[in-house]
């Protein structure tokens, strides 16, 4: 059920840039907040989840990080269906408003020492709001991008994930500068809040741009068709949702592995926090620059072909790369490893959103994308830092997380191969 590839005339360059920014800025803000929360997990654990056991405190923080993903499928159903009925643009406006509310809550919340249990409960509520908002963001934004330029779906949709690279770049820059210039006391007292206040500046800009960009052409052309997006998705396209979820598994797990790397560098490798942030900064540069290039190549050479190559490379290289890092931890080594991680991830996930979009028709595309994306992120993404901490703690093996990533690489390989051979997605 590959959707038609020529249904709309190419957009003017200026308008295309506006569409890309409008669709991507919300995703960038979502990922910026997620990354900052993950990067400063150790600091946030001391501020909001203090316990006598440092590992338990960190697990509580990462548990709050993970539990927000439980509400994402609900956001996907509500906002995805809204996008399929009322339009992608309206859904995107709702999601960015909710993101700003959640970011504000985290930025201004007093610590546990001042207001007691109210603090961790409020942080949990903020993360749940973020989760609900993010639940509708990916499906609406990806549909918005591919439906503006159907003939360049790979390039357009790749900006959805390139924006994650930009978010990684910004969050890592904040982490590097703050940990290098502030004392531990300053960082715990107020320094960690600075990136969240910066996120609040992004929100109004994104809202303004989204307000003044037009609706996607493919959606407008089908606006008069009868729609029952949730019913249609679950009744006739369950297999396509499963394929989309499986294809996303290794990509989203690596995203959260990158998020956890600064904490991993400190706790398991005994490296300075600034070194861990610098390594993710390199990854962010690679993801931001390389993802649109690979997205463009996927329009020429096929999405699944490129994804199969890079999924195989992930399976083959993730263990030896991390083994080398654990055996010889150092600034240059961690930069090299995270550069490689960025290249592998960009190669696999750049074509992914367009491939997922082609699994679903226009009438329920946002719902299909949102539900499959957010269930996969809930299962394989938000839990990844928690699983990494647990695996290392239980096994005593710093390389244990690689076996989890290798398992997911096999799962994603199988799903992409199925999409290519059985569903005619190329």
Protein backbone atom coordinates (compact mmCIF):
# COMPACT_ATOMS: atom_id res chain seq x y z
CA UNK A 1 0.00 0.00 0.00
CA UNK A 2 2.68 2.45 -1.00
CA UNK A 3 1.00 5.83 -1.31
CA UNK A 4 1.09 7.72 -4.63
CA UNK A 5 4.32 9.57 -5.24
CA UNK A 6 3.13 12.30 -7.60
CA UNK A 7 0.06 14.10 -6.37
CA UNK A 8 1.21 17.66 -5.83
CA UNK A 9 3.39 20.20 -7.58
CA UNK A 10 6.72 21.10 -5.99
CA UNK A 11 6.56 23.90 -3.44
CA UNK A 12 8.52 27.14 -3.78
CA UNK A 13 11.90 26.98 -1.94
CA UNK A 14 10.99 29.64 0.65
CA UNK A 15 7.72 27.89 1.47
CA UNK A 16 9.49 24.52 1.71
CA UNK A 17 11.89 25.94 4.28
CA UNK A 18 8.97 27.33 6.26
CA UNK A 19 7.20 23.95 6.15
CA UNK A 20 10.35 22.15 7.33
CA UNK A 21 10.87 24.56 10.23
CA UNK A 22 7.19 24.50 11.22
CA UNK A 23 7.06 20.70 11.28
CA UNK A 24 10.47 20.13 12.84
CA UNK A 25 10.70 22.77 15.56
CA UNK A 26 8.20 21.03 17.84
CA UNK A 27 10.06 17.75 17.51
CA UNK A 28 13.32 19.58 18.24
CA UNK A 29 11.80 21.14 21.37
CA UNK A 30 10.42 17.78 22.52
CA UNK A 31 13.79 16.08 22.07
CA UNK A 32 15.70 18.98 23.59
CA UNK A 33 13.68 18.64 26.81
CA UNK A 34 14.00 14.85 26.78
CA UNK A 35 17.77 15.02 26.25
CA UNK A 36 18.30 17.68 28.91
CA UNK A 37 16.30 15.61 31.40
CA UNK A 38 18.35 12.53 30.53
CA UNK A 39 21.69 14.37 30.47
CA UNK A 40 21.10 15.89 33.91
CA UNK A 41 19.48 12.76 35.36
CA UNK A 42 22.03 12.49 38.16
CA UNK A 43 21.52 16.15 39.17
CA UNK A 44 17.74 15.94 38.92
CA UNK A 45 17.76 12.76 41.03
CA UNK A 46 19.49 14.67 43.85
CA UNK A 47 17.07 17.58 43.60
CA UNK A 48 13.75 15.75 43.32
CA UNK A 49 14.29 12.07 44.24
CA UNK A 50 16.84 12.02 47.08
CA UNK A 51 17.43 8.65 48.79
CA UNK A 52 20.21 7.10 50.82
CA UNK A 53 21.15 4.88 47.86
CA UNK A 54 22.49 6.82 44.86
CA UNK A 55 21.54 4.07 42.39
CA UNK A 56 17.96 3.94 43.70
CA UNK A 57 17.72 7.73 43.39
CA UNK A 58 18.90 7.56 39.77
CA UNK A 59 16.52 4.70 39.01
CA UNK A 60 13.60 6.74 40.40
CA UNK A 61 14.56 9.65 38.14
CA UNK A 62 14.87 7.42 35.09
CA UNK A 63 11.66 5.66 36.10
CA UNK A 64 9.87 9.02 35.96
CA UNK A 65 11.57 9.52 32.59
CA UNK A 66 10.19 6.16 31.42
CA UNK A 67 6.68 6.33 32.92
CA UNK A 68 5.88 9.43 30.86
CA UNK A 69 6.04 7.17 27.82
CA UNK A 70 3.06 5.19 29.06
CA UNK A 71 0.82 8.15 28.24
CA UNK A 72 2.29 8.69 24.76
CA UNK A 73 -0.01 6.16 23.03
CA UNK A 74 -3.00 8.03 24.52
CA UNK A 75 -1.66 11.28 23.07
CA UNK A 76 -1.12 9.45 19.77
CA UNK A 77 -4.75 8.31 19.63
CA UNK A 78 -6.23 11.66 20.61
CA UNK A 79 -3.96 14.03 18.69
CA UNK A 80 -3.36 11.64 15.77
CA UNK A 81 -7.09 11.24 15.16
CA UNK A 82 -7.53 15.00 15.55
CA UNK A 83 -4.84 15.56 12.89
CA UNK A 84 -6.57 13.17 10.48
CA UNK A 85 -9.95 14.84 11.00
CA UNK A 86 -9.19 18.55 11.55
CA UNK A 87 -5.81 18.84 9.86
CA UNK A 88 -2.12 18.40 10.60
CA UNK A 89 -1.62 22.09 11.33
CA UNK A 90 -4.25 22.27 14.09
CA UNK A 91 -2.83 19.23 15.85
CA UNK A 92 0.68 20.69 15.69
CA UNK A 93 -0.57 23.91 17.31
CA UNK A 94 -2.09 21.96 20.22
CA UNK A 95 1.02 19.85 20.81
CA UNK A 96 3.44 22.78 20.99
CA UNK A 97 1.23 24.59 23.53
CA UNK A 98 1.28 21.53 25.78
CA UNK A 99 5.06 21.21 25.43
CA UNK A 100 5.57 24.77 26.64
CA UNK A 101 3.40 24.16 29.72
CA UNK A 102 5.38 21.05 30.67
CA UNK A 103 8.75 22.73 30.10
CA UNK A 104 7.73 25.68 32.28
CA UNK A 105 6.72 23.34 35.12
CA UNK A 106 10.11 21.62 35.14
CA UNK A 107 12.05 24.88 34.81
CA UNK A 108 10.47 26.58 37.83
CA UNK A 109 9.74 23.65 40.16
CA UNK A 110 11.35 24.03 43.64
CA UNK A 111 13.36 20.99 44.83
CA UNK A 112 12.29 18.26 47.25
CA UNK A 113 14.18 19.98 50.09
CA UNK A 114 11.82 22.98 49.90
CA UNK A 115 8.36 21.54 49.11
CA UNK A 116 8.71 17.83 49.86
CA UNK A 117 6.68 15.26 47.92
CA UNK A 118 4.98 17.96 45.85
CA UNK A 119 8.23 18.36 43.88
CA UNK A 120 8.60 14.81 42.48
CA UNK A 121 4.83 14.59 41.89
CA UNK A 122 4.89 17.86 39.93
CA UNK A 123 7.87 16.65 37.87
CA UNK A 124 5.95 13.46 37.09
CA UNK A 125 2.90 15.51 36.00
CA UNK A 126 5.11 17.65 33.76
CA UNK A 127 6.62 14.54 32.17
CA UNK A 128 3.12 13.11 31.60
CA UNK A 129 2.05 16.32 29.85
CA UNK A 130 5.19 16.13 27.72
CA UNK A 131 4.42 12.51 26.91
CA UNK A 132 0.83 13.25 25.86
CA UNK A 133 1.96 16.17 23.71
CA UNK A 134 4.79 14.22 22.12
CA UNK A 135 2.33 11.42 21.40
CA UNK A 136 0.71 13.47 18.66
CA UNK A 137 3.76 15.40 17.48
CA UNK A 138 5.56 12.79 15.36
CA UNK A 139 2.54 11.55 13.41
CA UNK A 140 1.16 15.00 12.66
CA UNK A 141 4.53 16.53 11.77
CA UNK A 142 5.69 13.62 9.60
CA UNK A 143 2.39 13.54 7.70
CA UNK A 144 2.63 17.33 7.31
CA UNK A 145 6.11 17.06 5.79
CA UNK A 146 5.55 14.18 3.35
CA UNK A 147 2.21 15.55 2.16
CA UNK A 148 3.69 18.90 1.22
CA UNK A 149 6.20 17.32 -1.19
CA UNK A 150 5.15 13.74 -2.02
CA UNK A 151 7.84 13.44 -4.70
CA UNK A 152 10.57 14.05 -2.07
CA UNK A 153 9.21 12.22 0.92
CA UNK A 154 12.55 10.87 2.07
CA UNK A 155 14.22 14.28 2.12
CA UNK A 156 11.26 16.08 3.70
CA UNK A 157 10.56 13.49 6.40
CA UNK A 158 14.27 13.18 7.26
CA UNK A 159 14.12 16.66 8.77
CA UNK A 160 11.88 15.22 11.47
CA UNK A 161 14.86 13.21 12.69
CA UNK A 162 17.48 15.80 11.71
CA UNK A 163 15.74 18.05 14.21
CA UNK A 164 16.52 15.41 16.83
CA UNK A 165 20.18 15.79 15.86
CA UNK A 166 19.90 19.55 16.28
CA UNK A 167 18.27 19.02 19.69
CA UNK A 168 21.15 16.68 20.62
CA UNK A 169 23.62 19.34 19.47
CA UNK A 170 21.98 22.10 21.53
CA UNK A 171 21.44 19.98 24.65
CA UNK A 172 25.01 18.66 24.51
CA UNK A 173 26.37 22.19 24.09
CA UNK A 174 24.50 23.26 27.22
CA UNK A 175 25.74 20.20 29.08
CA UNK A 176 29.35 20.73 28.00
CA UNK A 177 29.43 24.44 28.88
CA UNK A 178 27.52 24.13 32.17
CA UNK A 179 29.54 21.20 33.53
CA UNK A 180 32.81 22.82 32.48
CA UNK A 181 32.09 26.28 33.92
CA UNK A 182 29.90 25.71 36.99
CA UNK A 183 30.73 24.01 40.26
CA UNK A 184 28.74 20.97 41.34
CA UNK A 185 26.87 23.12 43.86
CA UNK A 186 25.96 25.74 41.24
CA UNK A 187 24.88 23.07 38.78
CA UNK A 188 22.60 21.41 41.32
CA UNK A 189 21.23 24.68 42.67
CA UNK A 190 20.29 26.49 39.44
CA UNK A 191 22.55 25.57 36.53
CA UNK A 192 20.54 22.57 35.33
CA UNK A 193 17.45 24.82 34.92
CA UNK A 194 19.08 27.04 32.26
CA UNK A 195 18.46 24.65 29.31
CA UNK A 196 14.78 24.33 30.24
CA UNK A 197 14.38 28.11 30.24
CA UNK A 198 16.06 28.15 26.83
CA UNK A 199 13.46 25.59 25.68
CA UNK A 200 10.77 28.04 26.70
CA UNK A 201 12.20 30.53 24.20
CA UNK A 202 11.92 27.99 21.36
CA UNK A 203 8.24 27.29 22.01
CA UNK A 204 6.72 30.69 21.08
CA UNK A 205 8.85 30.84 17.92
CA UNK A 206 7.56 27.43 16.85
CA UNK A 207 3.98 28.42 17.65
CA UNK A 208 4.26 31.59 15.55
CA UNK A 209 5.73 29.75 12.53
CA UNK A 210 3.14 26.98 12.68
CA UNK A 211 0.33 29.50 12.85
CA UNK A 212 1.29 31.06 9.49
CA UNK A 213 2.08 27.99 7.39
CA UNK A 214 -0.52 26.37 5.12
CA UNK A 215 -2.06 22.92 5.39
CA UNK A 216 -0.49 20.03 3.44
CA UNK A 217 -1.71 19.57 -0.14
CA UNK A 218 -2.40 15.83 -0.01
CA UNK A 219 -4.52 16.26 3.11
CA UNK A 220 -6.53 19.10 1.54
CA UNK A 221 -7.26 16.98 -1.54
CA UNK A 222 -8.73 14.20 0.59
CA UNK A 223 -10.45 16.45 3.13
CA UNK A 224 -13.95 15.57 1.88
CA UNK A 225 -13.44 11.82 2.29
CA UNK A 226 -15.17 10.05 5.17
CA UNK A 227 -12.75 9.44 8.03
CA UNK A 228 -12.68 7.05 10.96
CA UNK A 229 -8.92 7.06 11.54
CA UNK A 230 -8.70 5.07 14.77
CA UNK A 231 -11.17 2.41 13.63
CA UNK A 232 -9.54 2.12 10.22
CA UNK A 233 -6.04 1.86 11.64
CA UNK A 234 -6.83 -0.90 14.15
CA UNK A 235 -9.24 -2.81 11.93
CA UNK A 236 -7.29 -3.03 8.68
CA UNK A 237 -3.68 -2.03 9.35
CA UNK A 238 -2.52 -3.80 12.51
CA UNK A 239 0.20 -5.61 10.55
CA UNK A 240 1.53 -2.32 9.20
CA UNK A 241 1.64 -0.82 12.68
CA UNK A 242 3.65 -3.82 13.90
CA UNK A 243 6.10 -3.43 11.02
CA UNK A 244 6.48 0.28 11.75
CA UNK A 245 7.05 -0.40 15.46
CA UNK A 246 9.64 -3.08 14.79
CA UNK A 247 11.47 -0.94 12.23
CA UNK A 248 11.68 1.88 14.76
CA UNK A 249 12.95 -0.29 17.64
CA UNK A 250 16.73 -0.06 17.18
CA UNK A 251 16.64 3.58 16.10
CA UNK A 252 14.76 4.81 19.15
CA UNK A 253 16.84 2.68 21.52
CA UNK A 254 20.05 4.18 20.14
CA UNK A 255 18.57 7.67 20.57
CA UNK A 256 18.10 7.03 24.28
CA UNK A 257 21.46 5.30 24.55
CA UNK A 258 22.94 8.60 23.28
CA UNK A 259 20.86 10.42 25.91
CA UNK A 260 22.29 8.23 28.65
CA UNK A 261 25.92 8.44 27.46
CA UNK A 262 26.95 11.40 29.72
CA UNK A 263 25.69 9.48 32.77
CA UNK A 264 27.32 6.24 31.49
CA UNK A 265 30.63 8.09 30.98
CA UNK A 266 30.61 9.34 34.59
CA UNK A 267 29.25 6.27 36.39
CA UNK A 268 30.83 3.43 34.40
CA UNK A 269 33.90 4.92 32.70
CA UNK A 270 35.01 7.41 35.41
CA UNK A 271 35.25 10.19 32.82
CA UNK A 272 34.41 13.85 33.49
CA UNK A 273 30.81 14.84 32.77
CA UNK A 274 32.03 17.40 30.23
CA UNK A 275 33.66 14.58 28.24
CA UNK A 276 30.38 12.68 28.01
CA UNK A 277 28.55 15.81 26.87
CA UNK A 278 31.26 16.59 24.30
CA UNK A 279 30.82 13.11 22.81
CA UNK A 280 27.08 13.59 22.39
CA UNK A 281 27.80 17.02 20.91
CA UNK A 282 29.76 15.25 18.15
CA UNK A 283 26.85 12.87 17.64
CA UNK A 284 24.46 15.80 17.36
CA UNK A 285 26.60 17.43 14.66
CA UNK A 286 26.67 14.21 12.64
CA UNK A 287 22.92 13.62 12.97
CA UNK A 288 22.02 17.19 12.04
CA UNK A 289 24.26 17.31 8.96
CA UNK A 290 24.07 13.76 7.62
CA UNK A 291 20.39 12.90 8.09
CA UNK A 292 18.96 15.15 5.31
CA UNK A 293 21.68 13.90 2.94
CA UNK A 294 20.71 10.28 3.52
CA UNK A 295 17.04 11.25 3.29
CA UNK A 296 17.70 12.72 -0.16
CA UNK A 297 19.59 9.57 -1.20
CA UNK A 298 16.62 7.44 -0.08
CA UNK A 299 14.44 9.24 -2.65
CA UNK A 300 16.89 8.13 -5.36
CA UNK A 301 17.97 4.66 -4.27
CA UNK A 302 15.12 3.43 -2.06
CA UNK A 303 14.50 3.66 1.67
CA UNK A 304 14.50 0.01 2.68
CA UNK A 305 17.72 -0.76 0.79
CA UNK A 306 19.64 1.90 2.74
CA UNK A 307 17.99 0.93 6.04
CA UNK A 308 18.91 -2.74 5.63
CA UNK A 309 22.56 -1.84 5.04
CA UNK A 310 22.82 0.37 8.11
CA UNK A 311 20.83 -1.96 10.39
CA UNK A 312 23.32 -4.70 9.50
CA UNK A 313 26.23 -2.37 10.31
CA UNK A 314 24.64 -1.49 13.67
CA UNK A 315 24.33 -5.20 14.49
CA UNK A 316 27.96 -5.83 13.54
CA UNK A 317 29.63 -2.79 15.10
CA UNK A 318 27.80 -1.88 18.32
CA UNK A 319 29.54 -4.50 20.51
CA UNK A 320 33.15 -4.00 19.35
CA UNK A 321 32.74 -0.20 19.47
CA UNK A 322 31.55 -0.12 23.08
CA UNK A 323 34.05 -2.84 24.05
CA UNK A 324 36.86 -0.65 22.75
CA UNK A 325 35.49 2.32 24.70
CA UNK A 326 35.21 0.33 27.95
CA UNK A 327 38.71 -1.12 27.49
CA UNK A 328 40.33 2.23 26.74
CA UNK A 329 38.10 5.04 28.06
CA UNK A 330 39.36 8.46 27.09
CA UNK A 331 38.37 11.71 25.44
CA UNK A 332 39.48 10.78 21.92
CA UNK A 333 38.05 7.27 22.10
CA UNK A 334 34.60 8.32 23.28
CA UNK A 335 34.47 11.04 20.60
CA UNK A 336 35.34 8.48 17.91
CA UNK A 337 32.81 5.94 19.14
CA UNK A 338 30.00 8.47 19.37
CA UNK A 339 30.89 9.82 15.90
CA UNK A 340 30.45 6.27 14.57
CA UNK A 341 27.17 5.91 16.47
CA UNK A 342 25.96 9.12 14.84
CA UNK A 343 26.84 7.90 11.33
CA UNK A 344 25.14 4.52 11.87
CA UNK A 345 22.04 6.08 13.35
CA UNK A 346 21.73 8.76 10.65
CA UNK A 347 22.09 6.13 7.93
CA UNK A 348 19.30 4.02 9.39
CA UNK A 349 16.81 6.54 10.70
CA UNK A 350 16.96 9.19 7.94
CA UNK A 351 14.73 7.14 5.58
CA UNK A 352 12.63 5.72 8.44
CA UNK A 353 9.86 8.35 8.83
CA UNK A 354 9.13 8.36 5.08
CA UNK A 355 9.04 4.56 5.06
CA UNK A 356 6.61 4.59 7.98
CA UNK A 357 4.45 7.23 6.28
CA UNK A 358 4.19 5.08 3.15
CA UNK A 359 2.71 2.26 5.19
CA UNK A 360 -0.51 4.25 5.77
CA UNK A 361 -3.02 6.09 3.49
CA UNK A 362 -3.64 9.83 3.86
CA UNK A 363 -7.00 9.38 5.60
CA UNK A 364 -5.44 7.78 8.68
CA UNK A 365 -1.74 8.46 8.18
CA UNK A 366 -1.26 10.68 11.25
CA UNK A 367 -3.04 8.15 13.48
CA UNK A 368 -1.11 5.17 12.09
CA UNK A 369 2.20 6.99 12.41
CA UNK A 370 1.47 8.37 15.87
CA UNK A 371 0.24 5.11 17.40
CA UNK A 372 3.00 2.90 15.96
CA UNK A 373 5.72 5.45 16.76
CA UNK A 374 4.66 6.04 20.34
CA UNK A 375 4.06 2.42 21.27
CA UNK A 376 7.53 1.64 19.89
CA UNK A 377 9.08 4.58 21.77
CA UNK A 378 7.29 3.48 24.95
CA UNK A 379 8.56 -0.09 24.59
CA UNK A 380 12.06 0.49 23.24
CA UNK A 381 12.91 4.14 23.88
CA UNK A 382 11.95 5.68 27.18
CA UNK A 383 12.84 2.46 29.01
CA UNK A 384 16.33 2.19 27.46
CA UNK A 385 18.25 4.24 30.08
CA UNK A 386 16.47 2.28 32.82
CA UNK A 387 17.31 -1.04 31.14
CA UNK A 388 20.94 0.03 30.69
CA UNK A 389 21.32 0.88 34.38
CA UNK A 390 19.56 -2.35 35.40
CA UNK A 391 21.58 -4.58 33.05
CA UNK A 392 24.91 -3.16 34.16
CA UNK A 393 23.90 -3.36 37.84
CA UNK A 394 22.59 -6.94 37.63
CA UNK A 395 25.31 -8.44 35.43
CA UNK A 396 28.24 -6.30 36.51
CA UNK A 397 29.12 -6.17 32.80
CA UNK A 398 29.51 -2.70 31.31
CA UNK A 399 28.92 -4.18 27.84
CA UNK A 400 25.54 -5.68 28.73
CA UNK A 401 23.60 -2.85 26.99
CA UNK A 402 25.10 -3.85 23.63
CA UNK A 403 23.28 -7.20 23.71
CA UNK A 404 19.99 -5.37 24.10
CA UNK A 405 20.82 -3.11 21.14
CA UNK A 406 21.89 -6.09 19.03
CA UNK A 407 18.61 -7.86 19.76
CA UNK A 408 16.68 -4.80 18.62
CA UNK A 409 18.85 -4.53 15.49
CA UNK A 410 17.78 -8.06 14.51
CA UNK A 411 14.13 -7.16 15.15
CA UNK A 412 14.36 -4.01 13.02
CA UNK A 413 16.19 -5.82 10.23
CA UNK A 414 13.42 -8.40 10.07
CA UNK A 415 10.66 -5.77 9.93
CA UNK A 416 12.34 -3.70 7.22
CA UNK A 417 12.91 -6.83 5.15
CA UNK A 418 9.23 -7.77 5.60
CA UNK A 419 8.13 -4.27 4.48
CA UNK A 420 10.29 -4.56 1.38
CA UNK A 421 9.27 -8.08 0.34
CA UNK A 422 5.66 -8.38 1.50
CA UNK A 423 4.33 -4.81 1.59
CA UNK A 424 6.19 -3.50 -1.46
CA UNK A 425 7.79 -0.57 0.39
CA UNK A 426 10.99 0.44 -1.34
